[in-house]
């Protein structure tokens, strides 16, 4: 049998209806990723279109869920408790908030910079 492409280093194989060309002697014998099917194979626009139809159908049928103020408050509290358990994450976001607050304060107190001699107007360093 003559290898695909006419090169003695290449061989062909079939995977889910497509012809794949592999180099013989390749040490990485991982199979190709599976073909995308269903929603994954659709464009983002088509996915939104279908999801939107489902949402409209649920609302018209009366089975769509609407959060009450109390349900929304409970859900937010539950999520906040889960996130706040990660002390490293809370420390990181607290530090970032402090940096931004101080950066804003520092820029308000600093006069605008003037361009260096010989630089085009509007360009600052």
PDB file of N, CA and C in Angstrom:
ATOM      1  N   UNK A   1       0.849  -1.177   0.000  1.00  0.00           N
ATOM      2  CA  UNK A   1       0.000   0.000   0.000  1.00  0.00           C
ATOM      3  C   UNK A   1       0.890   1.234   0.000  1.00  0.00           C
ATOM      4  N   UNK A   2       0.554   2.228  -0.810  1.00  0.00           N
ATOM      5  CA  UNK A   2       1.322   3.459  -0.896  1.00  0.00           C
ATOM      6  C   UNK A   2       0.805   4.426   0.163  1.00  0.00           C
ATOM      7  N   UNK A   3       1.671   4.993   1.010  1.00  0.00           N
ATOM      8  CA  UNK A   3       1.227   5.931   2.041  1.00  0.00           C
ATOM      9  C   UNK A   3       0.637   7.190   1.435  1.00  0.00           C
ATOM     10  N   UNK A   4      -0.274   7.813   2.142  1.00  0.00           N
ATOM     11  CA  UNK A   4      -0.898   9.056   1.712  1.00  0.00           C
ATOM     12  C   UNK A   4       0.168  10.124   1.611  1.00  0.00           C
ATOM     13  N   UNK A   5       0.110  10.937   0.567  1.00  0.00           N
ATOM     14  CA  UNK A   5       1.056  12.026   0.395  1.00  0.00           C
ATOM     15  C   UNK A   5       2.334  11.599  -0.293  1.00  0.00           C
ATOM     16  N   UNK A   6       2.501  10.279  -0.558  1.00  0.00           N
ATOM     17  CA  UNK A   6       3.665   9.805  -1.281  1.00  0.00           C
ATOM     18  C   UNK A   6       4.936   9.768  -0.453  1.00  0.00           C
ATOM     19  N   UNK A   7       4.903  10.171   0.795  1.00  0.00           N
ATOM     20  CA  UNK A   7       6.094  10.181   1.632  1.00  0.00           C
ATOM     21  C   UNK A   7       6.159   8.885   2.421  1.00  0.00           C
ATOM     22  N   UNK A   8       7.323   8.271   2.501  1.00  0.00           N
ATOM     23  CA  UNK A   8       7.428   7.007   3.241  1.00  0.00           C
ATOM     24  C   UNK A   8       7.266   7.205   4.748  1.00  0.00           C
ATOM     25  N   UNK A   9       7.366   8.433   5.258  1.00  0.00           N
ATOM     26  CA  UNK A   9       7.242   8.682   6.691  1.00  0.00           C
ATOM     27  C   UNK A   9       5.809   8.918   7.133  1.00  0.00           C
ATOM     28  N   UNK A  10       4.861   8.981   6.218  1.00  0.00           N
ATOM     29  CA  UNK A  10       3.492   9.308   6.563  1.00  0.00           C
ATOM     30  C   UNK A  10       2.584   8.100   6.411  1.00  0.00           C
ATOM     31  N   UNK A  11       1.591   8.015   7.267  1.00  0.00           N
ATOM     32  CA  UNK A  11       0.577   6.960   7.174  1.00  0.00           C
ATOM     33  C   UNK A  11      -0.771   7.623   7.393  1.00  0.00           C
ATOM     34  N   UNK A  12      -1.824   7.001   6.901  1.00  0.00           N
ATOM     35  CA  UNK A  12      -3.145   7.597   7.082  1.00  0.00           C
ATOM     36  C   UNK A  12      -3.960   6.715   8.003  1.00  0.00           C
ATOM     37  N   UNK A  13      -4.889   7.346   8.705  1.00  0.00           N
ATOM     38  CA  UNK A  13      -5.802   6.591   9.565  1.00  0.00           C
ATOM     39  C   UNK A  13      -7.159   7.258   9.496  1.00  0.00           C
ATOM     40  N   UNK A  14      -8.179   6.509   9.834  1.00  0.00           N
ATOM     41  CA  UNK A  14      -9.533   7.060   9.833  1.00  0.00           C
ATOM     42  C   UNK A  14      -9.996   7.225  11.264  1.00  0.00           C
ATOM     43  N   UNK A  15     -10.605   8.394  11.566  1.00  0.00           N
ATOM     44  CA  UNK A  15     -11.160   8.657  12.895  1.00  0.00           C
ATOM     45  C   UNK A  15     -12.457   9.409  12.701  1.00  0.00           C
ATOM     46  N   UNK A  16     -13.556   8.781  13.051  1.00  0.00           N
ATOM     47  CA  UNK A  16     -14.890   9.386  12.961  1.00  0.00           C
ATOM     48  C   UNK A  16     -15.163   9.998  11.584  1.00  0.00           C
ATOM     49  N   UNK A  17     -14.834   9.243  10.546  1.00  0.00           N
ATOM     50  CA  UNK A  17     -15.192   9.680   9.205  1.00  0.00           C
ATOM     51  C   UNK A  17     -14.241  10.687   8.577  1.00  0.00           C
ATOM     52  N   UNK A  18     -13.134  11.010   9.220  1.00  0.00           N
ATOM     53  CA  UNK A  18     -12.186  11.937   8.622  1.00  0.00           C
ATOM     54  C   UNK A  18     -10.852  11.233   8.442  1.00  0.00           C
ATOM     55  N   UNK A  19     -10.124  11.602   7.410  1.00  0.00           N
ATOM     56  CA  UNK A  19      -8.817  11.018   7.177  1.00  0.00           C
ATOM     57  C   UNK A  19      -7.781  11.875   7.876  1.00  0.00           C
ATOM     58  N   UNK A  20      -6.990  11.263   8.720  1.00  0.00           N
ATOM     59  CA  UNK A  20      -5.941  11.963   9.447  1.00  0.00           C
ATOM     60  C   UNK A  20      -4.601  11.452   8.938  1.00  0.00           C
ATOM     61  N   UNK A  21      -3.635  12.321   8.785  1.00  0.00           N
ATOM     62  CA  UNK A  21      -2.301  11.916   8.362  1.00  0.00           C
ATOM     63  C   UNK A  21      -1.385  12.064   9.564  1.00  0.00           C
ATOM     64  N   UNK A  22      -0.693  10.974   9.913  1.00  0.00           N
ATOM     65  CA  UNK A  22       0.206  10.952  11.060  1.00  0.00           C
ATOM     66  C   UNK A  22       1.606  10.626  10.572  1.00  0.00           C
ATOM     67  N   UNK A  23       2.599  11.195  11.200  1.00  0.00           N
ATOM     68  CA  UNK A  23       3.968  10.854  10.897  1.00  0.00           C
ATOM     69  C   UNK A  23       4.290   9.571  11.646  1.00  0.00           C
ATOM     70  N   UNK A  24       4.844   8.579  10.941  1.00  0.00           N
ATOM     71  CA  UNK A  24       5.203   7.332  11.598  1.00  0.00           C
ATOM     72  C   UNK A  24       6.402   7.579  12.495  1.00  0.00           C
ATOM     73  N   UNK A  25       6.424   6.911  13.612  1.00  0.00           N
ATOM     74  CA  UNK A  25       7.519   7.063  14.543  1.00  0.00           C
ATOM     75  C   UNK A  25       7.282   8.200  15.521  1.00  0.00           C
ATOM     76  N   UNK A  26       6.154   8.851  15.431  1.00  0.00           N
ATOM     77  CA  UNK A  26       5.821   9.941  16.346  1.00  0.00           C
ATOM     78  C   UNK A  26       5.615   9.337  17.731  1.00  0.00           C
ATOM     79  N   UNK A  27       6.282   9.884  18.753  1.00  0.00           N
ATOM     80  CA  UNK A  27       6.173   9.332  20.090  1.00  0.00           C
ATOM     81  C   UNK A  27       4.883   9.753  20.779  1.00  0.00           C
ATOM     82  N   UNK A  28       4.223  10.791  20.308  1.00  0.00           N
ATOM     83  CA  UNK A  28       2.980  11.262  20.915  1.00  0.00           C
ATOM     84  C   UNK A  28       1.810  10.576  20.230  1.00  0.00           C
ATOM     85  N   UNK A  29       1.359   9.455  20.779  1.00  0.00           N
ATOM     86  CA  UNK A  29       0.287   8.671  20.163  1.00  0.00           C
ATOM     87  C   UNK A  29      -1.073   8.999  20.745  1.00  0.00           C
ATOM     88  N   UNK A  30      -1.316  10.271  21.056  1.00  0.00           N
ATOM     89  CA  UNK A  30      -2.620  10.653  21.581  1.00  0.00           C
ATOM     90  C   UNK A  30      -3.612  10.742  20.433  1.00  0.00           C
ATOM     91  N   UNK A  31      -4.807  10.246  20.635  1.00  0.00           N
ATOM     92  CA  UNK A  31      -5.811  10.313  19.562  1.00  0.00           C
ATOM     93  C   UNK A  31      -6.250  11.757  19.357  1.00  0.00           C
ATOM     94  N   UNK A  32      -6.733  12.074  18.179  1.00  0.00           N
ATOM     95  CA  UNK A  32      -7.210  13.434  17.925  1.00  0.00           C
ATOM     96  C   UNK A  32      -8.427  13.730  18.799  1.00  0.00           C
ATOM     97  N   UNK A  33      -8.672  14.997  19.098  1.00  0.00           N
ATOM     98  CA  UNK A  33      -9.833  15.319  19.932  1.00  0.00           C
ATOM     99  C   UNK A  33     -11.122  14.926  19.227  1.00  0.00           C
ATOM    100  N   UNK A  34     -12.149  14.568  19.984  1.00  0.00           N
ATOM    101  CA  UNK A  34     -13.417  14.169  19.356  1.00  0.00           C
ATOM    102  C   UNK A  34     -14.040  15.343  18.607  1.00  0.00           C
ATOM    103  N   UNK A  35     -14.794  15.017  17.590  1.00  0.00           N
ATOM    104  CA  UNK A  35     -15.465  16.046  16.803  1.00  0.00           C
ATOM    105  C   UNK A  35     -16.484  16.768  17.664  1.00  0.00           C
ATOM    106  N   UNK A  36     -16.600  18.079  17.450  1.00  0.00           N
ATOM    107  CA  UNK A  36     -17.587  18.853  18.204  1.00  0.00           C
ATOM    108  C   UNK A  36     -18.972  18.520  17.680  1.00  0.00           C
ATOM    109  N   UNK A  37     -19.902  18.295  18.625  1.00  0.00           N
ATOM    110  CA  UNK A  37     -21.259  17.939  18.236  1.00  0.00           C
ATOM    111  C   UNK A  37     -22.231  18.796  19.013  1.00  0.00           C
ATOM    112  N   UNK A  38     -23.473  18.833  18.558  1.00  0.00           N
ATOM    113  CA  UNK A  38     -24.528  19.536  19.274  1.00  0.00           C
ATOM    114  C   UNK A  38     -24.263  21.027  19.400  1.00  0.00           C
ATOM    115  N   UNK A  39     -24.518  21.570  20.603  1.00  0.00           N
ATOM    116  CA  UNK A  39     -24.343  23.010  20.837  1.00  0.00           C
ATOM    117  C   UNK A  39     -22.901  23.442  20.565  1.00  0.00           C
ATOM    118  N   UNK A  40     -21.928  22.601  20.910  1.00  0.00           N
ATOM    119  CA  UNK A  40     -20.524  22.962  20.759  1.00  0.00           C
ATOM    120  C   UNK A  40     -20.156  23.213  19.297  1.00  0.00           C
ATOM    121  N   UNK A  41     -20.836  22.570  18.372  1.00  0.00           N
ATOM    122  CA  UNK A  41     -20.523  22.731  16.961  1.00  0.00           C
ATOM    123  C   UNK A  41     -21.211  23.953  16.351  1.00  0.00           C
ATOM    124  N   UNK A  42     -22.131  24.561  17.085  1.00  0.00           N
ATOM    125  CA  UNK A  42     -22.892  25.707  16.563  1.00  0.00           C
ATOM    126  C   UNK A  42     -22.162  27.020  16.831  1.00  0.00           C
ATOM    127  N   UNK A  43     -22.481  28.002  16.038  1.00  0.00           N
ATOM    128  CA  UNK A  43     -21.924  29.332  16.276  1.00  0.00           C
ATOM    129  C   UNK A  43     -22.560  29.897  17.547  1.00  0.00           C
ATOM    130  N   UNK A  44     -21.886  30.859  18.156  1.00  0.00           N
ATOM    131  CA  UNK A  44     -22.396  31.482  19.383  1.00  0.00           C
ATOM    132  C   UNK A  44     -23.748  32.139  19.111  1.00  0.00           C
ATOM    133  N   UNK A  45     -23.892  32.710  17.933  1.00  0.00           N
ATOM    134  CA  UNK A  45     -25.159  33.369  17.578  1.00  0.00           C
ATOM    135  C   UNK A  45     -26.301  32.361  17.533  1.00  0.00           C
ATOM    136  N   UNK A  46     -26.057  31.192  16.946  1.00  0.00           N
ATOM    137  CA  UNK A  46     -27.089  30.154  16.853  1.00  0.00           C
ATOM    138  C   UNK A  46     -27.433  29.608  18.247  1.00  0.00           C
ATOM    139  N   UNK A  47     -26.422  29.448  19.104  1.00  0.00           N
ATOM    140  CA  UNK A  47     -26.667  28.983  20.470  1.00  0.00           C
ATOM    141  C   UNK A  47     -27.571  29.960  21.215  1.00  0.00           C
ATOM    142  N   UNK A  48     -27.285  31.271  21.096  1.00  0.00           N
ATOM    143  CA  UNK A  48     -28.116  32.292  21.759  1.00  0.00           C
ATOM    144  C   UNK A  48     -29.542  32.250  21.239  1.00  0.00           C
ATOM    145  N   UNK A  49     -29.667  32.052  19.927  1.00  0.00           N
ATOM    146  CA  UNK A  49     -30.997  32.006  19.310  1.00  0.00           C
ATOM    147  C   UNK A  49     -31.837  30.873  19.912  1.00  0.00           C
ATOM    148  N   UNK A  50     -31.244  29.691  20.013  1.00  0.00           N
ATOM    149  CA  UNK A  50     -31.961  28.530  20.542  1.00  0.00           C
ATOM    150  C   UNK A  50     -32.265  28.722  22.031  1.00  0.00           C
ATOM    151  N   UNK A  51     -31.299  29.213  22.798  1.00  0.00           N
ATOM    152  CA  UNK A  51     -31.511  29.430  24.225  1.00  0.00           C
ATOM    153  C   UNK A  51     -32.604  30.466  24.459  1.00  0.00           C
ATOM    154  N   UNK A  52     -32.629  31.487  23.618  1.00  0.00           N
ATOM    155  CA  UNK A  52     -33.640  32.529  23.740  1.00  0.00           C
ATOM    156  C   UNK A  52     -35.042  31.957  23.508  1.00  0.00           C
ATOM    157  N   UNK A  53     -35.150  31.074  22.517  1.00  0.00           N
ATOM    158  CA  UNK A  53     -36.447  30.445  22.252  1.00  0.00           C
ATOM    159  C   UNK A  53     -36.902  29.629  23.461  1.00  0.00           C
ATOM    160  N   UNK A  54     -35.966  28.932  24.092  1.00  0.00           N
ATOM    161  CA  UNK A  54     -36.308  28.138  25.280  1.00  0.00           C
ATOM    162  C   UNK A  54     -36.776  29.021  26.422  1.00  0.00           C
ATOM    163  N   UNK A  55     -36.103  30.152  26.614  1.00  0.00           N
ATOM    164  CA  UNK A  55     -36.498  31.079  27.672  1.00  0.00           C
ATOM    165  C   UNK A  55     -37.871  31.663  27.435  1.00  0.00           C
ATOM    166  N   UNK A  56     -38.137  32.052  26.190  1.00  0.00           N
ATOM    167  CA  UNK A  56     -39.462  32.615  25.865  1.00  0.00           C
ATOM    168  C   UNK A  56     -40.552  31.568  26.060  1.00  0.00           C
ATOM    169  N   UNK A  57     -40.268  30.322  25.681  1.00  0.00           N
ATOM    170  CA  UNK A  57     -41.256  29.253  25.832  1.00  0.00           C
ATOM    171  C   UNK A  57     -41.564  29.011  27.310  1.00  0.00           C
ATOM    172  N   UNK A  58     -40.534  29.017  28.150  1.00  0.00           N
ATOM    173  CA  UNK A  58     -40.748  28.786  29.585  1.00  0.00           C
ATOM    174  C   UNK A  58     -41.575  29.914  30.189  1.00  0.00           C
ATOM    175  N   UNK A  59     -41.305  31.145  29.786  1.00  0.00           N
ATOM    176  CA  UNK A  59     -42.075  32.273  30.319  1.00  0.00           C
ATOM    177  C   UNK A  59     -43.534  32.209  29.864  1.00  0.00           C
ATOM    178  N   UNK A  60     -43.743  31.895  28.589  1.00  0.00           N
ATOM    179  CA  UNK A  60     -45.121  31.850  28.099  1.00  0.00           C
ATOM    180  C   UNK A  60     -45.897  30.686  28.719  1.00  0.00           C
ATOM    181  N   UNK A  61     -45.194  29.606  29.022  1.00  0.00           N
ATOM    182  CA  UNK A  61     -45.829  28.442  29.640  1.00  0.00           C
ATOM    183  C   UNK A  61     -46.057  28.673  31.144  1.00  0.00           C
ATOM    184  N   UNK A  62     -45.303  29.619  31.720  1.00  0.00           N
ATOM    185  CA  UNK A  62     -45.456  29.907  33.136  1.00  0.00           C
ATOM    186  C   UNK A  62     -44.562  29.071  34.028  1.00  0.00           C
ATOM    187  N   UNK A  63     -43.587  28.382  33.448  1.00  0.00           N
ATOM    188  CA  UNK A  63     -42.707  27.526  34.250  1.00  0.00           C
ATOM    189  C   UNK A  63     -41.343  28.166  34.509  1.00  0.00           C
ATOM    190  N   UNK A  64     -41.110  29.369  34.010  1.00  0.00           N
ATOM    191  CA  UNK A  64     -39.831  30.043  34.243  1.00  0.00           C
ATOM    192  C   UNK A  64     -39.755  30.484  35.702  1.00  0.00           C
ATOM    193  N   UNK A  65     -38.571  30.393  36.282  1.00  0.00           N
ATOM    194  CA  UNK A  65     -38.414  30.747  37.694  1.00  0.00           C
ATOM    195  C   UNK A  65     -38.102  32.233  37.839  1.00  0.00           C
ATOM    196  N   UNK A  66     -38.752  32.879  38.747  1.00  0.00           N
ATOM    197  CA  UNK A  66     -38.485  34.287  39.066  1.00  0.00           C
ATOM    198  C   UNK A  66     -38.045  34.346  40.516  1.00  0.00           C
ATOM    199  N   UNK A  67     -36.867  34.895  40.762  1.00  0.00           N
ATOM    200  CA  UNK A  67     -36.382  35.041  42.130  1.00  0.00           C
ATOM    201  C   UNK A  67     -37.152  36.130  42.842  1.00  0.00           C
ATOM    202  N   UNK A  68     -37.581  35.823  44.057  1.00  0.00           N
ATOM    203  CA  UNK A  68     -38.154  36.871  44.904  1.00  0.00           C
ATOM    204  C   UNK A  68     -36.971  37.609  45.536  1.00  0.00           C
ATOM    205  N   UNK A  69     -37.228  38.728  46.167  1.00  0.00           N
ATOM    206  CA  UNK A  69     -36.146  39.477  46.821  1.00  0.00           C
ATOM    207  C   UNK A  69     -35.453  38.615  47.873  1.00  0.00           C
ATOM    208  N   UNK A  70     -36.248  37.854  48.617  1.00  0.00           N
ATOM    209  CA  UNK A  70     -35.673  37.015  49.675  1.00  0.00           C
ATOM    210  C   UNK A  70     -34.817  35.886  49.100  1.00  0.00           C
ATOM    211  N   UNK A  71     -35.294  35.258  48.000  1.00  0.00           N
ATOM    212  CA  UNK A  71     -34.506  34.194  47.367  1.00  0.00           C
ATOM    213  C   UNK A  71     -33.194  34.746  46.817  1.00  0.00           C
ATOM    214  N   UNK A  72     -33.260  35.903  46.184  1.00  0.00           N
ATOM    215  CA  UNK A  72     -32.054  36.520  45.627  1.00  0.00           C
ATOM    216  C   UNK A  72     -31.077  36.869  46.746  1.00  0.00           C
ATOM    217  N   UNK A  73     -31.579  37.406  47.845  1.00  0.00           N
ATOM    218  CA  UNK A  73     -30.727  37.767  48.982  1.00  0.00           C
ATOM    219  C   UNK A  73     -30.045  36.523  49.543  1.00  0.00           C
ATOM    220  N   UNK A  74     -30.812  35.428  49.700  1.00  0.00           N
ATOM    221  CA  UNK A  74     -30.257  34.180  50.237  1.00  0.00           C
ATOM    222  C   UNK A  74     -29.194  33.608  49.301  1.00  0.00           C
ATOM    223  N   UNK A  75     -29.442  33.664  48.002  1.00  0.00           N
ATOM    224  CA  UNK A  75     -28.472  33.139  47.033  1.00  0.00           C
ATOM    225  C   UNK A  75     -27.187  33.962  47.072  1.00  0.00           C
ATOM    226  N   UNK A  76     -27.310  35.272  47.141  1.00  0.00           N
ATOM    227  CA  UNK A  76     -26.131  36.136  47.221  1.00  0.00           C
ATOM    228  C   UNK A  76     -25.337  35.899  48.487  1.00  0.00           C
ATOM    229  N   UNK A  77     -26.030  35.721  49.597  1.00  0.00           N
ATOM    230  CA  UNK A  77     -25.362  35.465  50.869  1.00  0.00           C
ATOM    231  C   UNK A  77     -24.603  34.143  50.799  1.00  0.00           C
ATOM    232  N   UNK A  78     -25.249  33.119  50.235  1.00  0.00           N
ATOM    233  CA  UNK A  78     -24.625  31.802  50.134  1.00  0.00           C
ATOM    234  C   UNK A  78     -23.362  31.870  49.279  1.00  0.00           C
ATOM    235  N   UNK A  79     -23.427  32.561  48.148  1.00  0.00           N
ATOM    236  CA  UNK A  79     -22.251  32.705  47.284  1.00  0.00           C
ATOM    237  C   UNK A  79     -21.144  33.483  47.967  1.00  0.00           C
ATOM    238  N   UNK A  80     -21.511  34.539  48.685  1.00  0.00           N
ATOM    239  CA  UNK A  80     -20.522  35.333  49.399  1.00  0.00           C
ATOM    240  C   UNK A  80     -19.818  34.539  50.475  1.00  0.00           C
ATOM    241  N   UNK A  81     -20.547  33.680  51.156  1.00  0.00           N
ATOM    242  CA  UNK A  81     -19.940  32.858  52.208  1.00  0.00           C
ATOM    243  C   UNK A  81     -18.938  31.877  51.605  1.00  0.00           C
ATOM    244  N   UNK A  82     -19.276  31.312  50.471  1.00  0.00           N
ATOM    245  CA  UNK A  82     -18.380  30.354  49.823  1.00  0.00           C
ATOM    246  C   UNK A  82     -17.100  31.056  49.385  1.00  0.00           C
ATOM    247  N   UNK A  83     -17.227  32.216  48.755  1.00  0.00           N
ATOM    248  CA  UNK A  83     -16.061  32.952  48.257  1.00  0.00           C
ATOM    249  C   UNK A  83     -15.195  33.413  49.417  1.00  0.00           C
ATOM    250  N   UNK A  84     -15.810  33.882  50.498  1.00  0.00           N
ATOM    251  CA  UNK A  84     -15.032  34.445  51.600  1.00  0.00           C
ATOM    252  C   UNK A  84     -14.261  33.393  52.386  1.00  0.00           C
ATOM    253  N   UNK A  85     -14.523  32.127  52.160  1.00  0.00           N
ATOM    254  CA  UNK A  85     -13.748  31.073  52.825  1.00  0.00           C
ATOM    255  C   UNK A  85     -12.315  31.045  52.310  1.00  0.00           C
ATOM    256  N   UNK A  86     -12.106  31.492  51.078  1.00  0.00           N
ATOM    257  CA  UNK A  86     -10.770  31.504  50.478  1.00  0.00           C
ATOM    258  C   UNK A  86     -10.058  32.774  50.949  1.00  0.00           C
ATOM    259  N   UNK A  87      -9.315  32.679  52.047  1.00  0.00           N
ATOM    260  CA  UNK A  87      -8.682  33.846  52.650  1.00  0.00           C
ATOM    261  C   UNK A  87      -7.652  34.486  51.711  1.00  0.00           C
ATOM    262  N   UNK A  88      -6.951  33.670  50.945  1.00  0.00           N
ATOM    263  CA  UNK A  88      -5.956  34.209  50.014  1.00  0.00           C
ATOM    264  C   UNK A  88      -6.639  35.089  48.958  1.00  0.00           C
ATOM    265  N   UNK A  89      -7.764  34.625  48.455  1.00  0.00           N
ATOM    266  CA  UNK A  89      -8.520  35.394  47.461  1.00  0.00           C
ATOM    267  C   UNK A  89      -9.013  36.708  48.068  1.00  0.00           C
ATOM    268  N   UNK A  90      -9.555  36.645  49.275  1.00  0.00           N
ATOM    269  CA  UNK A  90     -10.061  37.856  49.923  1.00  0.00           C
ATOM    270  C   UNK A  90      -8.930  38.848  50.171  1.00  0.00           C
ATOM    271  N   UNK A  91      -7.765  38.339  50.549  1.00  0.00           N
ATOM    272  CA  UNK A  91      -6.606  39.193  50.776  1.00  0.00           C
ATOM    273  C   UNK A  91      -6.187  39.874  49.474  1.00  0.00           C
ATOM    274  N   UNK A  92      -6.186  39.092  48.397  1.00  0.00           N
ATOM    275  CA  UNK A  92      -5.799  39.632  47.076  1.00  0.00           C
ATOM    276  C   UNK A  92      -6.742  40.743  46.637  1.00  0.00           C
ATOM    277  N   UNK A  93      -8.053  40.531  46.751  1.00  0.00           N
ATOM    278  CA  UNK A  93      -8.980  41.556  46.274  1.00  0.00           C
ATOM    279  C   UNK A  93      -8.973  42.773  47.189  1.00  0.00           C
ATOM    280  N   UNK A  94      -8.701  42.561  48.481  1.00  0.00           N
ATOM    281  CA  UNK A  94      -8.582  43.694  49.397  1.00  0.00           C
ATOM    282  C   UNK A  94      -7.374  44.555  49.063  1.00  0.00           C
ATOM    283  N   UNK A  95      -6.249  43.906  48.771  1.00  0.00           N
ATOM    284  CA  UNK A  95      -5.041  44.631  48.381  1.00  0.00           C
ATOM    285  C   UNK A  95      -5.269  45.433  47.106  1.00  0.00           C
ATOM    286  N   UNK A  96      -5.927  44.806  46.133  1.00  0.00           N
ATOM    287  CA  UNK A  96      -6.202  45.490  44.859  1.00  0.00           C
ATOM    288  C   UNK A  96      -7.096  46.705  45.085  1.00  0.00           C
ATOM    289  N   UNK A  97      -8.098  46.567  45.929  1.00  0.00           N
ATOM    290  CA  UNK A  97      -8.970  47.698  46.241  1.00  0.00           C
ATOM    291  C   UNK A  97      -8.192  48.826  46.894  1.00  0.00           C
ATOM    292  N   UNK A  98      -7.282  48.482  47.809  1.00  0.00           N
ATOM    293  CA  UNK A  98      -6.452  49.491  48.457  1.00  0.00           C
ATOM    294  C   UNK A  98      -5.551  50.200  47.474  1.00  0.00           C
ATOM    295  N   UNK A  99      -4.957  49.441  46.567  1.00  0.00           N
ATOM    296  CA  UNK A  99      -4.077  50.045  45.546  1.00  0.00           C
ATOM    297  C   UNK A  99      -4.863  51.027  44.676  1.00  0.00           C
ATOM    298  N   UNK A 100      -6.042  50.610  44.270  1.00  0.00           N
ATOM    299  CA  UNK A 100      -6.841  51.496  43.413  1.00  0.00           C
ATOM    300  C   UNK A 100      -7.271  52.755  44.146  1.00  0.00           C
ATOM    301  N   UNK A 101      -7.647  52.607  45.405  1.00  0.00           N
ATOM    302  CA  UNK A 101      -8.073  53.772  46.181  1.00  0.00           C
ATOM    303  C   UNK A 101      -6.911  54.739  46.355  1.00  0.00           C
ATOM    304  N   UNK A 102      -5.731  54.206  46.658  1.00  0.00           N
ATOM    305  CA  UNK A 102      -4.560  55.069  46.844  1.00  0.00           C
ATOM    306  C   UNK A 102      -4.083  55.647  45.528  1.00  0.00           C
ATOM    307  N   UNK A 103      -4.166  54.858  44.450  1.00  0.00           N
ATOM    308  CA  UNK A 103      -3.747  55.354  43.142  1.00  0.00           C
ATOM    309  C   UNK A 103      -4.636  56.515  42.726  1.00  0.00           C
ATOM    310  N   UNK A 104      -5.920  56.412  42.971  1.00  0.00           N
ATOM    311  CA  UNK A 104      -6.845  57.491  42.626  1.00  0.00           C
ATOM    312  C   UNK A 104      -6.513  58.728  43.449  1.00  0.00           C
ATOM    313  N   UNK A 105      -6.262  58.536  44.749  1.00  0.00           N
ATOM    314  CA  UNK A 105      -5.930  59.646  45.639  1.00  0.00           C
ATOM    315  C   UNK A 105      -4.609  60.285  45.211  1.00  0.00           C
ATOM    316  N   UNK A 106      -3.609  59.461  44.861  1.00  0.00           N
ATOM    317  CA  UNK A 106      -2.293  59.972  44.459  1.00  0.00           C
ATOM    318  C   UNK A 106      -2.365  60.751  43.158  1.00  0.00           C
ATOM    319  N   UNK A 107      -3.176  60.311  42.197  1.00  0.00           N
ATOM    320  CA  UNK A 107      -3.257  61.016  40.916  1.00  0.00           C
ATOM    321  C   UNK A 107      -3.992  62.337  41.050  1.00  0.00           C
ATOM    322  N   UNK A 108      -4.907  62.432  42.013  1.00  0.00           N
ATOM    323  CA  UNK A 108      -5.620  63.696  42.220  1.00  0.00           C
ATOM    324  C   UNK A 108      -4.681  64.737  42.827  1.00  0.00           C
ATOM    325  N   UNK A 109      -3.722  64.304  43.653  1.00  0.00           N
ATOM    326  CA  UNK A 109      -2.813  65.230  44.322  1.00  0.00           C
ATOM    327  C   UNK A 109      -1.629  65.612  43.443  1.00  0.00           C
ATOM    328  N   UNK A 110      -1.308  64.800  42.431  1.00  0.00           N
ATOM    329  CA  UNK A 110      -0.165  65.064  41.568  1.00  0.00           C
ATOM    330  C   UNK A 110      -0.576  65.966  40.422  1.00  0.00           C
ATOM    331  N   UNK A 111       0.184  67.055  40.174  1.00  0.00           N
ATOM    332  CA  UNK A 111      -0.158  67.908  39.041  1.00  0.00           C
ATOM    333  C   UNK A 111       0.118  67.173  37.737  1.00  0.00           C
ATOM    334  N   UNK A 112      -0.564  67.548  36.651  1.00  0.00           N
ATOM    335  CA  UNK A 112      -0.330  66.864  35.375  1.00  0.00           C
ATOM    336  C   UNK A 112       1.112  67.054  34.941  1.00  0.00           C
ATOM    337  N   UNK A 113       1.683  66.004  34.331  1.00  0.00           N
ATOM    338  CA  UNK A 113       3.078  66.077  33.909  1.00  0.00           C
ATOM    339  C   UNK A 113       3.212  66.949  32.672  1.00  0.00           C
ATOM    340  N   UNK A 114       4.368  67.559  32.551  1.00  0.00           N
ATOM    341  CA  UNK A 114       4.642  68.406  31.387  1.00  0.00           C
ATOM    342  C   UNK A 114       5.538  67.639  30.442  1.00  0.00           C
ATOM    343  N   UNK A 115       5.378  67.848  29.132  1.00  0.00           N
ATOM    344  CA  UNK A 115       6.209  67.106  28.186  1.00  0.00           C
ATOM    345  C   UNK A 115       7.671  67.530  28.299  1.00  0.00           C
ATOM    346  N   UNK A 116       8.561  66.586  28.074  1.00  0.00           N
ATOM    347  CA  UNK A 116       9.985  66.887  28.082  1.00  0.00           C
ATOM    348  C   UNK A 116      10.325  67.699  26.848  1.00  0.00           C
ATOM    349  N   UNK A 117      11.361  68.544  26.920  1.00  0.00           N
ATOM    350  CA  UNK A 117      11.759  69.311  25.744  1.00  0.00           C
ATOM    351  C   UNK A 117      12.116  68.384  24.591  1.00  0.00           C
ATOM    352  N   UNK A 118      11.644  68.699  23.421  1.00  0.00           N
ATOM    353  CA  UNK A 118      11.944  67.906  22.220  1.00  0.00           C
ATOM    354  C   UNK A 118      10.967  66.783  21.955  1.00  0.00           C
ATOM    355  N   UNK A 119       9.955  66.547  22.826  1.00  0.00           N
ATOM    356  CA  UNK A 119       8.961  65.508  22.562  1.00  0.00           C
ATOM    357  C   UNK A 119       7.735  66.128  21.960  1.00  0.00           C
ATOM    358  N   UNK A 120       7.025  65.394  21.102  1.00  0.00           N
ATOM    359  CA  UNK A 120       5.795  65.962  20.502  1.00  0.00           C
ATOM    360  C   UNK A 120       4.784  66.300  21.587  1.00  0.00           C
ATOM    361  N   UNK A 121       3.966  67.285  21.331  1.00  0.00           N
ATOM    362  CA  UNK A 121       2.972  67.724  22.304  1.00  0.00           C
ATOM    363  C   UNK A 121       1.973  66.602  22.561  1.00  0.00           C
ATOM    364  N   UNK A 122       1.608  66.423  23.816  1.00  0.00           N
ATOM    365  CA  UNK A 122       0.638  65.393  24.186  1.00  0.00           C
ATOM    366  C   UNK A 122       1.286  64.083  24.573  1.00  0.00           C
ATOM    367  N   UNK A 123       2.587  63.891  24.309  1.00  0.00           N
ATOM    368  CA  UNK A 123       3.274  62.652  24.659  1.00  0.00           C
ATOM    369  C   UNK A 123       3.978  62.896  25.983  1.00  0.00           C
ATOM    370  N   UNK A 124       3.667  62.078  26.978  1.00  0.00           N
ATOM    371  CA  UNK A 124       4.314  62.224  28.286  1.00  0.00           C
ATOM    372  C   UNK A 124       5.083  60.975  28.616  1.00  0.00           C
ATOM    373  N   UNK A 125       6.018  61.097  29.513  1.00  0.00           N
ATOM    374  CA  UNK A 125       6.828  59.946  29.925  1.00  0.00           C
ATOM    375  C   UNK A 125       6.606  59.643  31.359  1.00  0.00           C
TER     376      UNK A 125
END
